[in-house]
């Protein structure tokens, strides 16, 4: 399944720490998200994947020590708006495919394959 991964102004990736979560865009926005940084070779290294109301989840992750473990790396985020019945399956696929460094238990739903943002 193809999903539309969001970027910020000028088609740049959105920095987690400075993203304006007060924008109307985030009102009742539910979906999946990926938080990552670029490694020294320019490859994305996934820190966290998740789902839910995007504004609430990203605001919480800004203060999560597991997410913010390396203060010298800029963390980026992207998200895709999805209907609730797809969230568990897409999160499961992203979690098992991207192997985030912030470990957690993935949903038990059957994985739903989606395109990656990079």
PDB file of N, CA and C in Angstrom:
ATOM      1  N   UNK A   1       0.847  -1.168   0.000  1.00  0.00           N
ATOM      2  CA  UNK A   1       0.000   0.000   0.000  1.00  0.00           C
ATOM      3  C   UNK A   1       0.898   1.239   0.000  1.00  0.00           C
ATOM      4  N   UNK A   2       0.558   2.216  -0.804  1.00  0.00           N
ATOM      5  CA  UNK A   2       1.287   3.474  -0.819  1.00  0.00           C
ATOM      6  C   UNK A   2       0.643   4.453   0.146  1.00  0.00           C
ATOM      7  N   UNK A   3       1.466   5.036   1.005  1.00  0.00           N
ATOM      8  CA  UNK A   3       1.004   6.088   1.902  1.00  0.00           C
ATOM      9  C   UNK A   3       1.772   7.356   1.576  1.00  0.00           C
ATOM     10  N   UNK A   4       1.215   8.483   1.965  1.00  0.00           N
ATOM     11  CA  UNK A   4       1.845   9.780   1.717  1.00  0.00           C
ATOM     12  C   UNK A   4       2.539  10.235   2.995  1.00  0.00           C
ATOM     13  N   UNK A   5       3.867  10.238   2.964  1.00  0.00           N
ATOM     14  CA  UNK A   5       4.659  10.666   4.115  1.00  0.00           C
ATOM     15  C   UNK A   5       4.841  12.180   4.056  1.00  0.00           C
ATOM     16  N   UNK A   6       4.556  12.850   5.163  1.00  0.00           N
ATOM     17  CA  UNK A   6       4.578  14.310   5.231  1.00  0.00           C
ATOM     18  C   UNK A   6       6.005  14.826   5.437  1.00  0.00           C
ATOM     19  N   UNK A   7       6.295  15.914   4.751  1.00  0.00           N
ATOM     20  CA  UNK A   7       7.520  16.694   4.956  1.00  0.00           C
ATOM     21  C   UNK A   7       7.110  18.108   5.334  1.00  0.00           C
ATOM     22  N   UNK A   8       8.090  18.898   5.748  1.00  0.00           N
ATOM     23  CA  UNK A   8       7.819  20.279   6.141  1.00  0.00           C
ATOM     24  C   UNK A   8       8.064  21.225   4.963  1.00  0.00           C
ATOM     25  N   UNK A   9       8.191  22.503   5.265  1.00  0.00           N
ATOM     26  CA  UNK A   9       8.368  23.514   4.227  1.00  0.00           C
ATOM     27  C   UNK A   9       9.528  23.192   3.305  1.00  0.00           C
ATOM     28  N   UNK A  10       9.370  23.571   2.049  1.00  0.00           N
ATOM     29  CA  UNK A  10      10.384  23.386   1.014  1.00  0.00           C
ATOM     30  C   UNK A  10      10.789  21.927   0.851  1.00  0.00           C
ATOM     31  N   UNK A  11       9.880  21.022   1.176  1.00  0.00           N
ATOM     32  CA  UNK A  11      10.103  19.582   1.022  1.00  0.00           C
ATOM     33  C   UNK A  11      11.241  19.050   1.895  1.00  0.00           C
ATOM     34  N   UNK A  12      11.538  19.764   2.995  1.00  0.00           N
ATOM     35  CA  UNK A  12      12.568  19.327   3.944  1.00  0.00           C
ATOM     36  C   UNK A  12      11.953  18.403   4.985  1.00  0.00           C
ATOM     37  N   UNK A  13      12.774  17.536   5.563  1.00  0.00           N
ATOM     38  CA  UNK A  13      12.309  16.697   6.661  1.00  0.00           C
ATOM     39  C   UNK A  13      12.067  17.569   7.884  1.00  0.00           C
ATOM     40  N   UNK A  14      11.127  17.175   8.705  1.00  0.00           N
ATOM     41  CA  UNK A  14      10.709  17.958   9.871  1.00  0.00           C
ATOM     42  C   UNK A  14      11.548  17.601  11.096  1.00  0.00           C
ATOM     43  N   UNK A  15      12.255  18.565  11.681  1.00  0.00           N
ATOM     44  CA  UNK A  15      12.958  18.299  12.943  1.00  0.00           C
ATOM     45  C   UNK A  15      11.943  18.121  14.075  1.00  0.00           C
ATOM     46  N   UNK A  16      12.092  17.062  14.837  1.00  0.00           N
ATOM     47  CA  UNK A  16      11.163  16.778  15.922  1.00  0.00           C
ATOM     48  C   UNK A  16      11.131  17.907  16.947  1.00  0.00           C
ATOM     49  N   UNK A  17      12.278  18.448  17.293  1.00  0.00           N
ATOM     50  CA  UNK A  17      12.343  19.417  18.393  1.00  0.00           C
ATOM     51  C   UNK A  17      11.719  20.762  18.067  1.00  0.00           C
ATOM     52  N   UNK A  18      11.650  21.141  16.792  1.00  0.00           N
ATOM     53  CA  UNK A  18      11.143  22.474  16.448  1.00  0.00           C
ATOM     54  C   UNK A  18       9.844  22.445  15.645  1.00  0.00           C
ATOM     55  N   UNK A  19       9.327  21.279  15.369  1.00  0.00           N
ATOM     56  CA  UNK A  19       8.086  21.170  14.620  1.00  0.00           C
ATOM     57  C   UNK A  19       6.958  21.850  15.394  1.00  0.00           C
ATOM     58  N   UNK A  20       6.217  22.726  14.746  1.00  0.00           N
ATOM     59  CA  UNK A  20       5.117  23.447  15.390  1.00  0.00           C
ATOM     60  C   UNK A  20       3.897  22.539  15.480  1.00  0.00           C
ATOM     61  N   UNK A  21       3.716  21.914  16.616  1.00  0.00           N
ATOM     62  CA  UNK A  21       2.604  20.992  16.812  1.00  0.00           C
ATOM     63  C   UNK A  21       1.276  21.707  17.059  1.00  0.00           C
ATOM     64  N   UNK A  22       1.305  23.038  17.135  1.00  0.00           N
ATOM     65  CA  UNK A  22       0.078  23.803  17.327  1.00  0.00           C
ATOM     66  C   UNK A  22      -0.633  24.123  16.011  1.00  0.00           C
ATOM     67  N   UNK A  23      -0.048  23.733  14.894  1.00  0.00           N
ATOM     68  CA  UNK A  23      -0.686  23.979  13.600  1.00  0.00           C
ATOM     69  C   UNK A  23      -2.021  23.238  13.511  1.00  0.00           C
ATOM     70  N   UNK A  24      -2.968  23.813  12.797  1.00  0.00           N
ATOM     71  CA  UNK A  24      -4.270  23.173  12.589  1.00  0.00           C
ATOM     72  C   UNK A  24      -4.131  21.830  11.895  1.00  0.00           C
ATOM     73  N   UNK A  25      -3.077  21.645  11.148  1.00  0.00           N
ATOM     74  CA  UNK A  25      -2.828  20.377  10.446  1.00  0.00           C
ATOM     75  C   UNK A  25      -2.944  19.193  11.404  1.00  0.00           C
ATOM     76  N   UNK A  26      -2.518  19.382  12.643  1.00  0.00           N
ATOM     77  CA  UNK A  26      -2.481  18.286  13.619  1.00  0.00           C
ATOM     78  C   UNK A  26      -3.797  18.056  14.365  1.00  0.00           C
ATOM     79  N   UNK A  27      -4.786  18.917  14.136  1.00  0.00           N
ATOM     80  CA  UNK A  27      -6.072  18.754  14.820  1.00  0.00           C
ATOM     81  C   UNK A  27      -6.700  17.410  14.444  1.00  0.00           C
ATOM     82  N   UNK A  28      -6.855  16.543  15.410  1.00  0.00           N
ATOM     83  CA  UNK A  28      -7.472  15.217  15.219  1.00  0.00           C
ATOM     84  C   UNK A  28      -6.762  14.349  14.195  1.00  0.00           C
ATOM     85  N   UNK A  29      -5.507  14.641  13.901  1.00  0.00           N
ATOM     86  CA  UNK A  29      -4.742  13.856  12.926  1.00  0.00           C
ATOM     87  C   UNK A  29      -4.261  12.564  13.566  1.00  0.00           C
ATOM     88  N   UNK A  30      -4.665  11.463  13.003  1.00  0.00           N
ATOM     89  CA  UNK A  30      -4.291  10.139  13.497  1.00  0.00           C
ATOM     90  C   UNK A  30      -3.550   9.407  12.381  1.00  0.00           C
ATOM     91  N   UNK A  31      -2.523   8.684  12.765  1.00  0.00           N
ATOM     92  CA  UNK A  31      -1.772   7.934  11.766  1.00  0.00           C
ATOM     93  C   UNK A  31      -0.584   7.224  12.378  1.00  0.00           C
ATOM     94  N   UNK A  32       0.406   6.965  11.530  1.00  0.00           N
ATOM     95  CA  UNK A  32       1.660   6.350  11.961  1.00  0.00           C
ATOM     96  C   UNK A  32       2.777   7.365  11.765  1.00  0.00           C
ATOM     97  N   UNK A  33       3.867   7.173  12.497  1.00  0.00           N
ATOM     98  CA  UNK A  33       4.983   8.104  12.382  1.00  0.00           C
ATOM     99  C   UNK A  33       6.303   7.351  12.537  1.00  0.00           C
ATOM    100  N   UNK A  34       7.354   7.995  12.053  1.00  0.00           N
ATOM    101  CA  UNK A  34       8.720   7.474  12.170  1.00  0.00           C
ATOM    102  C   UNK A  34       9.591   8.616  12.679  1.00  0.00           C
ATOM    103  N   UNK A  35      10.389   8.343  13.705  1.00  0.00           N
ATOM    104  CA  UNK A  35      11.390   9.284  14.207  1.00  0.00           C
ATOM    105  C   UNK A  35      12.748   8.677  13.901  1.00  0.00           C
ATOM    106  N   UNK A  36      13.662   9.467  13.334  1.00  0.00           N
ATOM    107  CA  UNK A  36      14.974   8.950  12.948  1.00  0.00           C
ATOM    108  C   UNK A  36      16.021  10.056  12.958  1.00  0.00           C
ATOM    109  N   UNK A  37      17.265   9.656  12.743  1.00  0.00           N
ATOM    110  CA  UNK A  37      18.365  10.590  12.509  1.00  0.00           C
ATOM    111  C   UNK A  37      19.177  10.046  11.338  1.00  0.00           C
ATOM    112  N   UNK A  38      20.006  10.903  10.769  1.00  0.00           N
ATOM    113  CA  UNK A  38      20.905  10.471   9.693  1.00  0.00           C
ATOM    114  C   UNK A  38      22.220  10.031  10.328  1.00  0.00           C
ATOM    115  N   UNK A  39      22.685   8.831   9.993  1.00  0.00           N
ATOM    116  CA  UNK A  39      23.958   8.365  10.555  1.00  0.00           C
ATOM    117  C   UNK A  39      25.121   9.018   9.815  1.00  0.00           C
ATOM    118  N   UNK A  40      26.339   8.677  10.206  1.00  0.00           N
ATOM    119  CA  UNK A  40      27.536   9.310   9.642  1.00  0.00           C
ATOM    120  C   UNK A  40      27.731   9.032   8.156  1.00  0.00           C
ATOM    121  N   UNK A  41      27.062   8.011   7.635  1.00  0.00           N
ATOM    122  CA  UNK A  41      27.134   7.696   6.204  1.00  0.00           C
ATOM    123  C   UNK A  41      25.939   8.268   5.435  1.00  0.00           C
ATOM    124  N   UNK A  42      25.080   9.018   6.118  1.00  0.00           N
ATOM    125  CA  UNK A  42      23.926   9.616   5.466  1.00  0.00           C
ATOM    126  C   UNK A  42      22.735   8.688   5.322  1.00  0.00           C
ATOM    127  N   UNK A  43      22.720   7.607   6.093  1.00  0.00           N
ATOM    128  CA  UNK A  43      21.600   6.667   6.057  1.00  0.00           C
ATOM    129  C   UNK A  43      20.652   6.948   7.220  1.00  0.00           C
ATOM    130  N   UNK A  44      19.342   6.740   7.014  1.00  0.00           N
ATOM    131  CA  UNK A  44      18.413   6.944   8.123  1.00  0.00           C
ATOM    132  C   UNK A  44      18.553   5.834   9.156  1.00  0.00           C
ATOM    133  N   UNK A  45      18.577   6.209  10.420  1.00  0.00           N
ATOM    134  CA  UNK A  45      18.624   5.247  11.527  1.00  0.00           C
ATOM    135  C   UNK A  45      17.386   5.491  12.374  1.00  0.00           C
ATOM    136  N   UNK A  46      16.476   4.546  12.334  1.00  0.00           N
ATOM    137  CA  UNK A  46      15.188   4.713  12.993  1.00  0.00           C
ATOM    138  C   UNK A  46      15.329   4.619  14.510  1.00  0.00           C
ATOM    139  N   UNK A  47      14.747   5.582  15.195  1.00  0.00           N
ATOM    140  CA  UNK A  47      14.736   5.616  16.652  1.00  0.00           C
ATOM    141  C   UNK A  47      13.413   5.062  17.179  1.00  0.00           C
ATOM    142  N   UNK A  48      12.298   5.421  16.536  1.00  0.00           N
ATOM    143  CA  UNK A  48      10.981   5.030  17.038  1.00  0.00           C
ATOM    144  C   UNK A  48       9.974   5.042  15.899  1.00  0.00           C
ATOM    145  N   UNK A  49       9.094   4.074  15.899  1.00  0.00           N
ATOM    146  CA  UNK A  49       7.892   4.123  15.061  1.00  0.00           C
ATOM    147  C   UNK A  49       6.703   4.010  16.010  1.00  0.00           C
ATOM    148  N   UNK A  50       5.601   4.572  15.608  1.00  0.00           N
ATOM    149  CA  UNK A  50       4.436   4.516  16.465  1.00  0.00           C
ATOM    150  C   UNK A  50       3.186   4.932  15.731  1.00  0.00           C
ATOM    151  N   UNK A  51       2.119   5.035  16.495  1.00  0.00           N
ATOM    152  CA  UNK A  51       0.819   5.377  15.937  1.00  0.00           C
ATOM    153  C   UNK A  51       0.007   6.132  16.968  1.00  0.00           C
ATOM    154  N   UNK A  52      -1.046   6.756  16.512  1.00  0.00           N
ATOM    155  CA  UNK A  52      -1.965   7.449  17.396  1.00  0.00           C
ATOM    156  C   UNK A  52      -2.249   8.842  16.896  1.00  0.00           C
ATOM    157  N   UNK A  53      -2.707   9.703  17.816  1.00  0.00           N
ATOM    158  CA  UNK A  53      -2.903  11.106  17.472  1.00  0.00           C
ATOM    159  C   UNK A  53      -1.517  11.743  17.403  1.00  0.00           C
ATOM    160  N   UNK A  54      -1.143  12.175  16.223  1.00  0.00           N
ATOM    161  CA  UNK A  54       0.241  12.573  15.936  1.00  0.00           C
ATOM    162  C   UNK A  54       0.715  13.689  16.863  1.00  0.00           C
ATOM    163  N   UNK A  55      -0.076  14.716  17.071  1.00  0.00           N
ATOM    164  CA  UNK A  55       0.337  15.827  17.936  1.00  0.00           C
ATOM    165  C   UNK A  55       0.692  15.318  19.336  1.00  0.00           C
ATOM    166  N   UNK A  56      -0.181  14.514  19.910  1.00  0.00           N
ATOM    167  CA  UNK A  56       0.023  14.029  21.274  1.00  0.00           C
ATOM    168  C   UNK A  56       1.248  13.133  21.373  1.00  0.00           C
ATOM    169  N   UNK A  57       1.400  12.224  20.423  1.00  0.00           N
ATOM    170  CA  UNK A  57       2.514  11.282  20.473  1.00  0.00           C
ATOM    171  C   UNK A  57       3.854  12.011  20.307  1.00  0.00           C
ATOM    172  N   UNK A  58       3.938  12.938  19.346  1.00  0.00           N
ATOM    173  CA  UNK A  58       5.206  13.640  19.119  1.00  0.00           C
ATOM    174  C   UNK A  58       5.545  14.550  20.291  1.00  0.00           C
ATOM    175  N   UNK A  59       4.551  15.192  20.867  1.00  0.00           N
ATOM    176  CA  UNK A  59       4.802  16.037  22.040  1.00  0.00           C
ATOM    177  C   UNK A  59       5.372  15.202  23.178  1.00  0.00           C
ATOM    178  N   UNK A  60       4.844  14.015  23.386  1.00  0.00           N
ATOM    179  CA  UNK A  60       5.355  13.139  24.447  1.00  0.00           C
ATOM    180  C   UNK A  60       6.782  12.689  24.150  1.00  0.00           C
ATOM    181  N   UNK A  61       7.081  12.383  22.905  1.00  0.00           N
ATOM    182  CA  UNK A  61       8.414  11.890  22.552  1.00  0.00           C
ATOM    183  C   UNK A  61       9.495  12.962  22.686  1.00  0.00           C
ATOM    184  N   UNK A  62       9.123  14.211  22.625  1.00  0.00           N
ATOM    185  CA  UNK A  62      10.105  15.281  22.814  1.00  0.00           C
ATOM    186  C   UNK A  62      10.723  15.230  24.210  1.00  0.00           C
ATOM    187  N   UNK A  63      10.031  14.624  25.154  1.00  0.00           N
ATOM    188  CA  UNK A  63      10.499  14.567  26.546  1.00  0.00           C
ATOM    189  C   UNK A  63      10.827  13.151  26.995  1.00  0.00           C
ATOM    190  N   UNK A  64      10.913  12.228  26.071  1.00  0.00           N
ATOM    191  CA  UNK A  64      11.177  10.820  26.390  1.00  0.00           C
ATOM    192  C   UNK A  64      12.680  10.565  26.316  1.00  0.00           C
ATOM    193  N   UNK A  65      13.285  10.170  27.426  1.00  0.00           N
ATOM    194  CA  UNK A  65      14.738   9.976  27.466  1.00  0.00           C
ATOM    195  C   UNK A  65      15.207   8.870  26.524  1.00  0.00           C
ATOM    196  N   UNK A  66      14.364   7.874  26.253  1.00  0.00           N
ATOM    197  CA  UNK A  66      14.751   6.823  25.307  1.00  0.00           C
ATOM    198  C   UNK A  66      14.850   7.369  23.887  1.00  0.00           C
ATOM    199  N   UNK A  67      14.013   8.331  23.562  1.00  0.00           N
ATOM    200  CA  UNK A  67      14.017   8.937  22.233  1.00  0.00           C
ATOM    201  C   UNK A  67      15.140   9.963  22.140  1.00  0.00           C
ATOM    202  N   UNK A  68      15.333  10.724  23.179  1.00  0.00           N
ATOM    203  CA  UNK A  68      16.297  11.826  23.183  1.00  0.00           C
ATOM    204  C   UNK A  68      17.658  11.409  23.730  1.00  0.00           C
ATOM    205  N   UNK A  69      18.047  10.161  23.570  1.00  0.00           N
ATOM    206  CA  UNK A  69      19.261   9.624  24.186  1.00  0.00           C
ATOM    207  C   UNK A  69      20.541  10.285  23.688  1.00  0.00           C
ATOM    208  N   UNK A  70      20.593  10.733  22.450  1.00  0.00           N
ATOM    209  CA  UNK A  70      21.810  11.342  21.912  1.00  0.00           C
ATOM    210  C   UNK A  70      21.516  12.796  21.556  1.00  0.00           C
ATOM    211  N   UNK A  71      21.885  13.731  22.435  1.00  0.00           N
ATOM    212  CA  UNK A  71      21.542  15.132  22.195  1.00  0.00           C
ATOM    213  C   UNK A  71      22.320  15.773  21.043  1.00  0.00           C
ATOM    214  N   UNK A  72      23.304  15.078  20.500  1.00  0.00           N
ATOM    215  CA  UNK A  72      24.112  15.648  19.422  1.00  0.00           C
ATOM    216  C   UNK A  72      23.580  15.305  18.043  1.00  0.00           C
ATOM    217  N   UNK A  73      22.537  14.536  17.972  1.00  0.00           N
ATOM    218  CA  UNK A  73      21.913  14.174  16.698  1.00  0.00           C
ATOM    219  C   UNK A  73      20.597  14.929  16.555  1.00  0.00           C
ATOM    220  N   UNK A  74      20.340  15.426  15.362  1.00  0.00           N
ATOM    221  CA  UNK A  74      19.041  16.025  15.084  1.00  0.00           C
ATOM    222  C   UNK A  74      18.073  14.907  14.744  1.00  0.00           C
ATOM    223  N   UNK A  75      16.973  14.852  15.465  1.00  0.00           N
ATOM    224  CA  UNK A  75      15.943  13.866  15.194  1.00  0.00           C
ATOM    225  C   UNK A  75      14.922  14.461  14.233  1.00  0.00           C
ATOM    226  N   UNK A  76      14.523  13.651  13.275  1.00  0.00           N
ATOM    227  CA  UNK A  76      13.523  14.049  12.293  1.00  0.00           C
ATOM    228  C   UNK A  76      12.295  13.178  12.459  1.00  0.00           C
ATOM    229  N   UNK A  77      11.178  13.675  11.943  1.00  0.00           N
ATOM    230  CA  UNK A  77       9.933  12.921  12.028  1.00  0.00           C
ATOM    231  C   UNK A  77       9.150  13.095  10.735  1.00  0.00           C
ATOM    232  N   UNK A  78       8.469  12.040  10.365  1.00  0.00           N
ATOM    233  CA  UNK A  78       7.493  12.087   9.286  1.00  0.00           C
ATOM    234  C   UNK A  78       6.308  11.246   9.716  1.00  0.00           C
ATOM    235  N   UNK A  79       5.165  11.496   9.115  1.00  0.00           N
ATOM    236  CA  UNK A  79       3.954  10.778   9.496  1.00  0.00           C
ATOM    237  C   UNK A  79       3.062  10.634   8.277  1.00  0.00           C
ATOM    238  N   UNK A  80       2.154   9.687   8.404  1.00  0.00           N
ATOM    239  CA  UNK A  80       1.174   9.438   7.357  1.00  0.00           C
ATOM    240  C   UNK A  80      -0.199   9.301   8.009  1.00  0.00           C
ATOM    241  N   UNK A  81      -1.167   9.998   7.470  1.00  0.00           N
ATOM    242  CA  UNK A  81      -2.544   9.941   7.952  1.00  0.00           C
ATOM    243  C   UNK A  81      -3.166   8.633   7.469  1.00  0.00           C
ATOM    244  N   UNK A  82      -3.692   7.839   8.398  1.00  0.00           N
ATOM    245  CA  UNK A  82      -4.293   6.551   8.052  1.00  0.00           C
ATOM    246  C   UNK A  82      -5.553   6.326   8.864  1.00  0.00           C
ATOM    247  N   UNK A  83      -6.503   5.557   8.320  1.00  0.00           N
ATOM    248  CA  UNK A  83      -7.693   5.216   9.112  1.00  0.00           C
ATOM    249  C   UNK A  83      -7.322   4.274  10.255  1.00  0.00           C
ATOM    250  N   UNK A  84      -8.054   4.342  11.350  1.00  0.00           N
ATOM    251  CA  UNK A  84      -7.719   3.556  12.543  1.00  0.00           C
ATOM    252  C   UNK A  84      -7.560   2.056  12.305  1.00  0.00           C
ATOM    253  N   UNK A  85      -8.329   1.465  11.414  1.00  0.00           N
ATOM    254  CA  UNK A  85      -8.258   0.013  11.228  1.00  0.00           C
ATOM    255  C   UNK A  85      -6.949  -0.454  10.577  1.00  0.00           C
ATOM    256  N   UNK A  86      -6.142   0.471  10.055  1.00  0.00           N
ATOM    257  CA  UNK A  86      -4.862   0.103   9.436  1.00  0.00           C
ATOM    258  C   UNK A  86      -3.660   0.345  10.349  1.00  0.00           C
ATOM    259  N   UNK A  87      -3.842   1.067  11.433  1.00  0.00           N
ATOM    260  CA  UNK A  87      -2.711   1.519  12.248  1.00  0.00           C
ATOM    261  C   UNK A  87      -1.872   0.379  12.816  1.00  0.00           C
ATOM    262  N   UNK A  88      -2.492  -0.610  13.431  1.00  0.00           N
ATOM    263  CA  UNK A  88      -1.717  -1.696  14.042  1.00  0.00           C
ATOM    264  C   UNK A  88      -0.885  -2.446  12.998  1.00  0.00           C
ATOM    265  N   UNK A  89      -1.474  -2.765  11.869  1.00  0.00           N
ATOM    266  CA  UNK A  89      -0.761  -3.521  10.841  1.00  0.00           C
ATOM    267  C   UNK A  89       0.390  -2.740  10.230  1.00  0.00           C
ATOM    268  N   UNK A  90       0.172  -1.448   9.989  1.00  0.00           N
ATOM    269  CA  UNK A  90       1.244  -0.619   9.416  1.00  0.00           C
ATOM    270  C   UNK A  90       2.351  -0.408  10.443  1.00  0.00           C
ATOM    271  N   UNK A  91       1.984  -0.142  11.696  1.00  0.00           N
ATOM    272  CA  UNK A  91       3.015   0.012  12.733  1.00  0.00           C
ATOM    273  C   UNK A  91       3.832  -1.276  12.863  1.00  0.00           C
ATOM    274  N   UNK A  92       3.170  -2.402  12.833  1.00  0.00           N
ATOM    275  CA  UNK A  92       3.892  -3.680  12.926  1.00  0.00           C
ATOM    276  C   UNK A  92       4.889  -3.826  11.786  1.00  0.00           C
ATOM    277  N   UNK A  93       4.476  -3.513  10.569  1.00  0.00           N
ATOM    278  CA  UNK A  93       5.382  -3.598   9.419  1.00  0.00           C
ATOM    279  C   UNK A  93       6.569  -2.645   9.597  1.00  0.00           C
ATOM    280  N   UNK A  94       6.291  -1.396   9.945  1.00  0.00           N
ATOM    281  CA  UNK A  94       7.373  -0.420  10.111  1.00  0.00           C
ATOM    282  C   UNK A  94       8.330  -0.844  11.215  1.00  0.00           C
ATOM    283  N   UNK A  95       7.789  -1.319  12.328  1.00  0.00           N
ATOM    284  CA  UNK A  95       8.635  -1.728  13.447  1.00  0.00           C
ATOM    285  C   UNK A  95       9.545  -2.894  13.115  1.00  0.00           C
ATOM    286  N   UNK A  96       9.018  -3.885  12.416  1.00  0.00           N
ATOM    287  CA  UNK A  96       9.846  -5.055  12.089  1.00  0.00           C
ATOM    288  C   UNK A  96      10.788  -4.772  10.925  1.00  0.00           C
ATOM    289  N   UNK A  97      10.430  -3.857  10.046  1.00  0.00           N
ATOM    290  CA  UNK A  97      11.273  -3.534   8.892  1.00  0.00           C
ATOM    291  C   UNK A  97      12.390  -2.562   9.255  1.00  0.00           C
ATOM    292  N   UNK A  98      12.072  -1.552  10.053  1.00  0.00           N
ATOM    293  CA  UNK A  98      13.034  -0.489  10.349  1.00  0.00           C
ATOM    294  C   UNK A  98      13.832  -0.718  11.626  1.00  0.00           C
ATOM    295  N   UNK A  99      13.482  -1.688  12.417  1.00  0.00           N
ATOM    296  CA  UNK A  99      14.157  -2.041  13.672  1.00  0.00           C
ATOM    297  C   UNK A  99      14.620  -0.814  14.476  1.00  0.00           C
ATOM    298  N   UNK A 100      13.686  -0.077  15.043  1.00  0.00           N
ATOM    299  CA  UNK A 100      14.044   1.131  15.796  1.00  0.00           C
ATOM    300  C   UNK A 100      14.915   0.828  17.010  1.00  0.00           C
ATOM    301  N   UNK A 101      15.783   1.775  17.338  1.00  0.00           N
ATOM    302  CA  UNK A 101      16.682   1.590  18.475  1.00  0.00           C
ATOM    303  C   UNK A 101      15.950   1.718  19.807  1.00  0.00           C
ATOM    304  N   UNK A 102      14.845   2.456  19.845  1.00  0.00           N
ATOM    305  CA  UNK A 102      14.022   2.539  21.058  1.00  0.00           C
ATOM    306  C   UNK A 102      13.062   1.351  21.015  1.00  0.00           C
ATOM    307  N   UNK A 103      13.444   0.279  21.685  1.00  0.00           N
ATOM    308  CA  UNK A 103      12.669  -0.959  21.576  1.00  0.00           C
ATOM    309  C   UNK A 103      11.342  -0.856  22.316  1.00  0.00           C
ATOM    310  N   UNK A 104      10.395  -1.574  21.817  1.00  0.00           N
ATOM    311  CA  UNK A 104       9.074  -1.652  22.415  1.00  0.00           C
ATOM    312  C   UNK A 104       8.361  -2.852  21.811  1.00  0.00           C
ATOM    313  N   UNK A 105       7.198  -3.150  22.301  1.00  0.00           N
ATOM    314  CA  UNK A 105       6.420  -4.288  21.799  1.00  0.00           C
ATOM    315  C   UNK A 105       5.562  -3.814  20.640  1.00  0.00           C
ATOM    316  N   UNK A 106       5.675  -4.492  19.513  1.00  0.00           N
ATOM    317  CA  UNK A 106       4.881  -4.143  18.336  1.00  0.00           C
ATOM    318  C   UNK A 106       3.475  -4.706  18.467  1.00  0.00           C
ATOM    319  N   UNK A 107       2.502  -4.091  17.792  1.00  0.00           N
ATOM    320  CA  UNK A 107       1.157  -4.672  17.797  1.00  0.00           C
ATOM    321  C   UNK A 107       1.195  -6.100  17.230  1.00  0.00           C
ATOM    322  N   UNK A 108       0.242  -6.908  17.633  1.00  0.00           N
ATOM    323  CA  UNK A 108       0.200  -8.306  17.180  1.00  0.00           C
ATOM    324  C   UNK A 108      -0.534  -8.476  15.866  1.00  0.00           C
ATOM    325  N   UNK A 109      -1.015  -7.402  15.275  1.00  0.00           N
ATOM    326  CA  UNK A 109      -1.742  -7.476  13.994  1.00  0.00           C
ATOM    327  C   UNK A 109      -0.825  -7.988  12.891  1.00  0.00           C
ATOM    328  N   UNK A 110      -1.432  -8.526  11.851  1.00  0.00           N
ATOM    329  CA  UNK A 110      -0.680  -8.912  10.659  1.00  0.00           C
ATOM    330  C   UNK A 110      -0.065  -7.669  10.044  1.00  0.00           C
ATOM    331  N   UNK A 111       1.201  -7.738   9.629  1.00  0.00           N
ATOM    332  CA  UNK A 111       1.841  -6.541   9.053  1.00  0.00           C
ATOM    333  C   UNK A 111       1.162  -6.127   7.740  1.00  0.00           C
ATOM    334  N   UNK A 112       1.064  -4.830   7.559  1.00  0.00           N
ATOM    335  CA  UNK A 112       0.569  -4.247   6.303  1.00  0.00           C
ATOM    336  C   UNK A 112       1.733  -3.506   5.684  1.00  0.00           C
ATOM    337  N   UNK A 113       2.203  -3.964   4.552  1.00  0.00           N
ATOM    338  CA  UNK A 113       3.355  -3.374   3.868  1.00  0.00           C
ATOM    339  C   UNK A 113       2.994  -2.019   3.283  1.00  0.00           C
ATOM    340  N   UNK A 114       3.848  -1.039   3.548  1.00  0.00           N
ATOM    341  CA  UNK A 114       3.695   0.299   2.971  1.00  0.00           C
ATOM    342  C   UNK A 114       5.041   0.754   2.433  1.00  0.00           C
ATOM    343  N   UNK A 115       5.005   1.758   1.586  1.00  0.00           N
ATOM    344  CA  UNK A 115       6.243   2.365   1.101  1.00  0.00           C
ATOM    345  C   UNK A 115       6.923   3.111   2.246  1.00  0.00           C
ATOM    346  N   UNK A 116       8.246   3.127   2.224  1.00  0.00           N
ATOM    347  CA  UNK A 116       9.007   3.877   3.225  1.00  0.00           C
ATOM    348  C   UNK A 116       9.228   5.306   2.730  1.00  0.00           C
ATOM    349  N   UNK A 117       9.469   6.244   3.643  1.00  0.00           N
ATOM    350  CA  UNK A 117       9.580   7.641   3.229  1.00  0.00           C
ATOM    351  C   UNK A 117      10.876   8.009   2.516  1.00  0.00           C
ATOM    352  N   UNK A 118      11.920   7.152   2.615  1.00  0.00           N
ATOM    353  CA  UNK A 118      13.203   7.527   2.025  1.00  0.00           C
ATOM    354  C   UNK A 118      13.393   6.876   0.687  1.00  0.00           C
TER     355      UNK A 118
END
